[in-house]
Amino acid sequence: SATASSAASQGPAVKLTVKVVENGSGGLSVAGSQVNVLRNGTLASVASGALSPALEFASNVPAGQYQVCVNPPIGWASAVRSTHVLGGWICSAADLRAAPELVTFRLTPQVPQVGQ
C-alpha cells in the first residue's frame, strides 16, 4: 500500500498552481474552498488544501496525470465546459508529466430557482 512518504520515490516533483476566477460573484467568494489533487486511475489524493484569499493554491506533486478538484460553496458552478463533476467537486484534468501546470477554474454563482 502506498504511503505519503513514497511520493518522493516516484520521480521529480512538479509545481501545480490552481487559480479560480469568479465571474460576477455578487459579493460572494470561493476563497477558503477546499482543493484536492487526485492521481488519475486510482483517484488517490496527492495534495490538498484551501484556496487563499487571492483564490490560489499551489503544491509540488510527483510528475503524472491528475484530476484537480475544487469544492466551492453551494450555489457555485463551473462557467466552462472543460470541467466535470466528481463526487460533488468541480474537477479539471491536468498533465504534469513534463512541466509545471496552471489550472484555472472559472466559477459563477448560480441563480436559485424559485421554489427551491
N, C-alpha and C. Protein backbone atom coordinates (compact mmCIF):
# COMPACT_ATOMS: atom_id res chain seq x y z
N SER A 1 0.84 -1.19 0.00
CA SER A 1 0.00 0.00 0.00
C SER A 1 0.87 1.24 0.00
N ALA A 2 0.45 2.27 -0.71
CA ALA A 2 1.23 3.49 -0.83
C ALA A 2 1.05 4.35 0.40
N THR A 3 2.11 5.03 0.78
CA THR A 3 2.03 5.97 1.89
C THR A 3 2.47 7.34 1.38
N ALA A 4 2.23 8.34 2.18
CA ALA A 4 2.57 9.70 1.77
C ALA A 4 4.08 9.84 1.54
N SER A 5 4.89 9.09 2.28
CA SER A 5 6.34 9.21 2.14
C SER A 5 6.84 8.61 0.84
N SER A 6 6.05 7.78 0.18
CA SER A 6 6.50 7.15 -1.05
C SER A 6 6.42 8.09 -2.24
N ALA A 7 5.79 9.25 -2.09
CA ALA A 7 5.64 10.17 -3.20
C ALA A 7 6.99 10.64 -3.73
N ALA A 8 7.97 10.80 -2.85
CA ALA A 8 9.28 11.28 -3.28
C ALA A 8 9.98 10.28 -4.18
N SER A 9 9.66 9.01 -4.06
CA SER A 9 10.33 7.99 -4.86
C SER A 9 9.73 7.84 -6.26
N GLN A 10 8.70 8.62 -6.57
CA GLN A 10 8.02 8.49 -7.85
C GLN A 10 8.53 9.48 -8.89
N GLY A 11 9.69 10.05 -8.67
CA GLY A 11 10.24 10.97 -9.64
C GLY A 11 10.23 12.39 -9.13
N PRO A 12 10.65 13.31 -9.99
CA PRO A 12 10.76 14.71 -9.57
C PRO A 12 9.40 15.33 -9.30
N ALA A 13 9.40 16.27 -8.37
CA ALA A 13 8.16 16.99 -8.07
C ALA A 13 7.97 18.11 -9.09
N VAL A 14 6.71 18.35 -9.43
CA VAL A 14 6.35 19.38 -10.40
C VAL A 14 5.40 20.35 -9.70
N LYS A 15 5.55 21.63 -9.95
CA LYS A 15 4.68 22.61 -9.28
C LYS A 15 3.34 22.70 -9.99
N LEU A 16 2.29 22.54 -9.22
CA LEU A 16 0.93 22.70 -9.69
C LEU A 16 0.36 23.95 -9.03
N THR A 17 -0.19 24.85 -9.85
CA THR A 17 -0.85 26.04 -9.32
C THR A 17 -2.31 26.00 -9.76
N VAL A 18 -3.19 26.23 -8.81
CA VAL A 18 -4.63 26.28 -9.09
C VAL A 18 -5.08 27.72 -8.86
N LYS A 19 -5.82 28.26 -9.83
CA LYS A 19 -6.34 29.62 -9.71
C LYS A 19 -7.82 29.59 -10.04
N VAL A 20 -8.61 30.32 -9.27
CA VAL A 20 -10.04 30.40 -9.53
C VAL A 20 -10.38 31.84 -9.93
N VAL A 21 -11.14 31.97 -11.00
CA VAL A 21 -11.65 33.26 -11.45
C VAL A 21 -13.15 33.26 -11.18
N GLU A 22 -13.60 34.27 -10.43
CA GLU A 22 -15.03 34.38 -10.12
C GLU A 22 -15.70 35.27 -11.17
N ASN A 23 -16.72 34.74 -11.83
CA ASN A 23 -17.48 35.52 -12.80
C ASN A 23 -18.71 36.08 -12.10
N GLY A 24 -18.75 37.39 -11.89
CA GLY A 24 -19.93 38.01 -11.29
C GLY A 24 -20.27 37.46 -9.94
N SER A 25 -19.38 37.64 -8.97
CA SER A 25 -19.55 36.99 -7.67
C SER A 25 -20.70 37.54 -6.85
N GLY A 26 -21.15 38.76 -7.14
CA GLY A 26 -22.25 39.33 -6.38
C GLY A 26 -21.94 39.47 -4.91
N GLY A 27 -20.66 39.71 -4.58
CA GLY A 27 -20.28 39.86 -3.18
C GLY A 27 -19.89 38.57 -2.50
N LEU A 28 -20.16 37.44 -3.14
CA LEU A 28 -19.78 36.14 -2.58
C LEU A 28 -18.37 35.80 -3.03
N SER A 29 -17.72 34.89 -2.31
CA SER A 29 -16.38 34.49 -2.70
C SER A 29 -16.19 33.00 -2.46
N VAL A 30 -15.31 32.40 -3.26
CA VAL A 30 -14.98 30.99 -3.08
C VAL A 30 -13.67 30.84 -2.30
N ALA A 31 -13.10 31.95 -1.81
CA ALA A 31 -11.87 31.88 -1.01
C ALA A 31 -12.08 30.92 0.16
N GLY A 32 -11.08 30.11 0.43
CA GLY A 32 -11.19 29.13 1.51
C GLY A 32 -11.76 27.80 1.07
N SER A 33 -12.24 27.71 -0.18
CA SER A 33 -12.77 26.44 -0.68
C SER A 33 -11.67 25.39 -0.72
N GLN A 34 -12.03 24.15 -0.48
CA GLN A 34 -11.06 23.07 -0.48
C GLN A 34 -10.63 22.71 -1.90
N VAL A 35 -9.35 22.37 -2.05
CA VAL A 35 -8.76 21.89 -3.30
C VAL A 35 -8.21 20.50 -3.03
N ASN A 36 -8.41 19.58 -3.98
CA ASN A 36 -7.88 18.23 -3.84
C ASN A 36 -7.29 17.81 -5.17
N VAL A 37 -6.07 17.27 -5.15
CA VAL A 37 -5.39 16.82 -6.35
C VAL A 37 -5.36 15.29 -6.30
N LEU A 38 -6.02 14.67 -7.29
CA LEU A 38 -6.18 13.21 -7.30
C LEU A 38 -5.41 12.60 -8.47
N ARG A 39 -4.68 11.52 -8.19
CA ARG A 39 -3.94 10.83 -9.25
C ARG A 39 -4.92 10.12 -10.17
N ASN A 40 -4.73 10.30 -11.49
CA ASN A 40 -5.58 9.59 -12.46
C ASN A 40 -5.48 8.10 -12.22
N GLY A 41 -6.58 7.39 -12.45
CA GLY A 41 -6.58 5.94 -12.31
C GLY A 41 -6.99 5.51 -10.91
N THR A 42 -6.22 5.91 -9.89
CA THR A 42 -6.53 5.48 -8.52
C THR A 42 -7.37 6.49 -7.77
N LEU A 43 -7.36 7.76 -8.22
CA LEU A 43 -8.02 8.87 -7.52
C LEU A 43 -7.50 9.03 -6.10
N ALA A 44 -6.25 8.60 -5.86
CA ALA A 44 -5.63 8.81 -4.56
C ALA A 44 -5.22 10.28 -4.44
N SER A 45 -5.49 10.87 -3.29
CA SER A 45 -5.15 12.28 -3.08
C SER A 45 -3.64 12.43 -2.89
N VAL A 46 -3.02 13.33 -3.68
CA VAL A 46 -1.59 13.58 -3.54
C VAL A 46 -1.32 14.95 -2.93
N ALA A 47 -2.32 15.83 -2.94
CA ALA A 47 -2.18 17.15 -2.33
C ALA A 47 -3.57 17.70 -2.07
N SER A 48 -3.70 18.46 -1.00
CA SER A 48 -4.98 19.11 -0.72
C SER A 48 -4.73 20.34 0.15
N GLY A 49 -5.69 21.22 0.15
CA GLY A 49 -5.58 22.43 0.94
C GLY A 49 -6.74 23.35 0.63
N ALA A 50 -6.58 24.62 0.96
CA ALA A 50 -7.66 25.58 0.76
C ALA A 50 -7.18 26.71 -0.14
N LEU A 51 -8.13 27.28 -0.88
CA LEU A 51 -7.82 28.44 -1.71
C LEU A 51 -7.46 29.62 -0.80
N SER A 52 -6.43 30.35 -1.18
CA SER A 52 -6.02 31.53 -0.44
C SER A 52 -7.02 32.66 -0.68
N PRO A 53 -6.91 33.77 0.07
CA PRO A 53 -7.78 34.93 -0.21
C PRO A 53 -7.61 35.44 -1.64
N ALA A 54 -6.45 35.16 -2.27
CA ALA A 54 -6.23 35.55 -3.67
C ALA A 54 -6.77 34.50 -4.64
N LEU A 55 -7.50 33.50 -4.11
CA LEU A 55 -8.12 32.44 -4.90
C LEU A 55 -7.09 31.57 -5.61
N GLU A 56 -5.99 31.26 -4.91
CA GLU A 56 -4.96 30.41 -5.47
C GLU A 56 -4.57 29.32 -4.49
N PHE A 57 -4.03 28.23 -5.04
CA PHE A 57 -3.49 27.12 -4.27
C PHE A 57 -2.32 26.57 -5.07
N ALA A 58 -1.21 26.29 -4.40
CA ALA A 58 -0.05 25.74 -5.10
C ALA A 58 0.54 24.60 -4.28
N SER A 59 1.05 23.61 -4.99
CA SER A 59 1.67 22.47 -4.32
C SER A 59 2.64 21.81 -5.28
N ASN A 60 3.66 21.16 -4.73
CA ASN A 60 4.55 20.34 -5.55
C ASN A 60 4.04 18.91 -5.48
N VAL A 61 3.83 18.30 -6.65
CA VAL A 61 3.31 16.94 -6.72
C VAL A 61 4.23 16.11 -7.60
N PRO A 62 4.24 14.78 -7.41
CA PRO A 62 5.04 13.93 -8.29
C PRO A 62 4.55 14.07 -9.74
N ALA A 63 5.48 14.01 -10.68
CA ALA A 63 5.11 14.11 -12.09
C ALA A 63 4.07 13.04 -12.41
N GLY A 64 3.03 13.42 -13.17
CA GLY A 64 1.98 12.47 -13.52
C GLY A 64 0.76 13.18 -14.05
N GLN A 65 -0.32 12.42 -14.17
CA GLN A 65 -1.58 12.97 -14.65
C GLN A 65 -2.59 12.95 -13.51
N TYR A 66 -3.33 14.06 -13.39
CA TYR A 66 -4.19 14.25 -12.22
C TYR A 66 -5.56 14.81 -12.58
N GLN A 67 -6.46 14.65 -11.63
CA GLN A 67 -7.72 15.39 -11.61
C GLN A 67 -7.56 16.43 -10.51
N VAL A 68 -7.64 17.69 -10.90
CA VAL A 68 -7.53 18.78 -9.93
C VAL A 68 -8.96 19.24 -9.64
N CYS A 69 -9.34 19.20 -8.36
CA CYS A 69 -10.74 19.44 -7.99
C CYS A 69 -10.86 20.55 -6.96
N VAL A 70 -11.92 21.34 -7.10
CA VAL A 70 -12.26 22.35 -6.10
C VAL A 70 -13.68 22.09 -5.62
N ASN A 71 -13.93 22.46 -4.37
CA ASN A 71 -15.23 22.25 -3.76
C ASN A 71 -15.78 23.60 -3.32
N PRO A 72 -16.35 24.37 -4.28
CA PRO A 72 -16.85 25.70 -3.93
C PRO A 72 -18.10 25.61 -3.08
N PRO A 73 -18.47 26.72 -2.45
CA PRO A 73 -19.72 26.73 -1.66
C PRO A 73 -20.92 26.36 -2.53
N ILE A 74 -21.97 25.90 -1.90
CA ILE A 74 -23.21 25.57 -2.61
C ILE A 74 -23.67 26.79 -3.39
N GLY A 75 -24.08 26.59 -4.62
CA GLY A 75 -24.56 27.69 -5.44
C GLY A 75 -23.57 28.13 -6.50
N TRP A 76 -22.34 27.62 -6.43
CA TRP A 76 -21.33 27.96 -7.44
C TRP A 76 -21.23 26.82 -8.44
N ALA A 77 -20.98 27.15 -9.69
CA ALA A 77 -20.82 26.14 -10.74
C ALA A 77 -19.74 26.60 -11.70
N SER A 78 -19.23 25.66 -12.47
CA SER A 78 -18.21 26.00 -13.45
C SER A 78 -18.83 26.74 -14.62
N ALA A 79 -18.11 27.76 -15.11
CA ALA A 79 -18.58 28.54 -16.25
C ALA A 79 -18.00 28.02 -17.57
N VAL A 80 -17.18 26.96 -17.50
CA VAL A 80 -16.59 26.40 -18.71
C VAL A 80 -16.93 24.92 -18.83
N ARG A 81 -16.96 24.43 -20.06
CA ARG A 81 -17.37 23.04 -20.28
C ARG A 81 -16.25 22.04 -20.14
N SER A 82 -15.00 22.52 -20.00
CA SER A 82 -13.88 21.59 -19.92
C SER A 82 -13.76 20.93 -18.54
N THR A 83 -14.63 21.30 -17.61
CA THR A 83 -14.60 20.70 -16.28
C THR A 83 -15.69 19.63 -16.18
N HIS A 84 -15.58 18.82 -15.14
CA HIS A 84 -16.60 17.80 -14.88
C HIS A 84 -16.78 17.70 -13.36
N VAL A 85 -17.88 17.11 -12.95
CA VAL A 85 -18.17 16.98 -11.53
C VAL A 85 -17.83 15.56 -11.08
N LEU A 86 -17.09 15.48 -9.99
CA LEU A 86 -16.68 14.19 -9.43
C LEU A 86 -16.99 14.22 -7.94
N GLY A 87 -18.02 13.49 -7.54
CA GLY A 87 -18.40 13.44 -6.14
C GLY A 87 -18.76 14.79 -5.55
N GLY A 88 -19.38 15.66 -6.37
CA GLY A 88 -19.78 16.97 -5.89
C GLY A 88 -18.71 18.03 -6.05
N TRP A 89 -17.50 17.63 -6.43
CA TRP A 89 -16.40 18.57 -6.65
C TRP A 89 -16.33 18.92 -8.13
N ILE A 90 -15.87 20.13 -8.45
CA ILE A 90 -15.66 20.54 -9.84
C ILE A 90 -14.20 20.22 -10.16
N CYS A 91 -13.99 19.39 -11.20
CA CYS A 91 -12.65 18.89 -11.49
C CYS A 91 -12.21 19.21 -12.91
N SER A 92 -10.90 19.27 -13.09
CA SER A 92 -10.30 19.50 -14.39
C SER A 92 -9.06 18.62 -14.50
N ALA A 93 -8.84 18.04 -15.67
CA ALA A 93 -7.67 17.19 -15.88
C ALA A 93 -6.41 18.04 -15.97
N ALA A 94 -5.30 17.54 -15.44
CA ALA A 94 -4.01 18.23 -15.52
C ALA A 94 -2.93 17.22 -15.83
N ASP A 95 -2.07 17.56 -16.79
CA ASP A 95 -0.96 16.70 -17.18
C ASP A 95 0.33 17.34 -16.68
N LEU A 96 0.90 16.77 -15.62
CA LEU A 96 2.12 17.32 -15.03
C LEU A 96 3.30 16.39 -15.27
N ARG A 97 3.34 15.75 -16.45
CA ARG A 97 4.45 14.85 -16.72
C ARG A 97 5.69 15.58 -17.19
N ALA A 98 5.52 16.79 -17.76
CA ALA A 98 6.66 17.46 -18.38
C ALA A 98 7.04 18.78 -17.74
N ALA A 99 6.07 19.55 -17.31
CA ALA A 99 6.35 20.91 -16.85
C ALA A 99 5.33 21.34 -15.81
N PRO A 100 5.65 22.40 -15.07
CA PRO A 100 4.66 22.96 -14.13
C PRO A 100 3.37 23.32 -14.86
N GLU A 101 2.28 23.28 -14.14
CA GLU A 101 0.97 23.48 -14.77
C GLU A 101 0.16 24.47 -13.95
N LEU A 102 -0.57 25.34 -14.66
CA LEU A 102 -1.53 26.23 -14.04
C LEU A 102 -2.92 25.76 -14.45
N VAL A 103 -3.74 25.42 -13.48
CA VAL A 103 -5.11 25.00 -13.75
C VAL A 103 -6.02 26.13 -13.29
N THR A 104 -6.79 26.69 -14.22
CA THR A 104 -7.68 27.80 -13.90
C THR A 104 -9.13 27.34 -13.96
N PHE A 105 -9.86 27.60 -12.91
CA PHE A 105 -11.30 27.33 -12.87
C PHE A 105 -12.03 28.66 -13.00
N ARG A 106 -13.05 28.70 -13.82
CA ARG A 106 -13.91 29.88 -13.91
C ARG A 106 -15.26 29.49 -13.30
N LEU A 107 -15.56 30.09 -12.15
CA LEU A 107 -16.77 29.74 -11.43
C LEU A 107 -17.73 30.91 -11.43
N THR A 108 -19.01 30.57 -11.47
CA THR A 108 -20.04 31.60 -11.47
C THR A 108 -21.16 31.19 -10.51
N PRO A 109 -21.70 32.14 -9.74
CA PRO A 109 -22.82 31.79 -8.87
C PRO A 109 -24.06 31.49 -9.69
N GLN A 110 -24.77 30.47 -9.29
CA GLN A 110 -26.00 30.09 -9.99
C GLN A 110 -27.18 30.80 -9.33
N VAL A 111 -28.09 31.28 -10.16
CA VAL A 111 -29.29 31.93 -9.64
C VAL A 111 -30.22 30.84 -9.14
N PRO A 112 -30.63 30.88 -7.87
CA PRO A 112 -31.53 29.84 -7.38
C PRO A 112 -32.89 29.90 -8.09
N GLN A 113 -33.43 28.74 -8.34
CA GLN A 113 -34.74 28.67 -8.98
C GLN A 113 -35.83 28.93 -7.95
N VAL A 114 -36.88 29.59 -8.35
CA VAL A 114 -37.99 29.88 -7.45
C VAL A 114 -38.57 28.56 -6.95
N GLY A 115 -38.78 28.48 -5.63
CA GLY A 115 -39.38 27.27 -5.06
C GLY A 115 -38.35 26.24 -4.64
N GLN A 116 -37.08 26.53 -4.80
CA GLN A 116 -36.04 25.57 -4.38
C GLN A 116 -35.26 26.11 -3.19
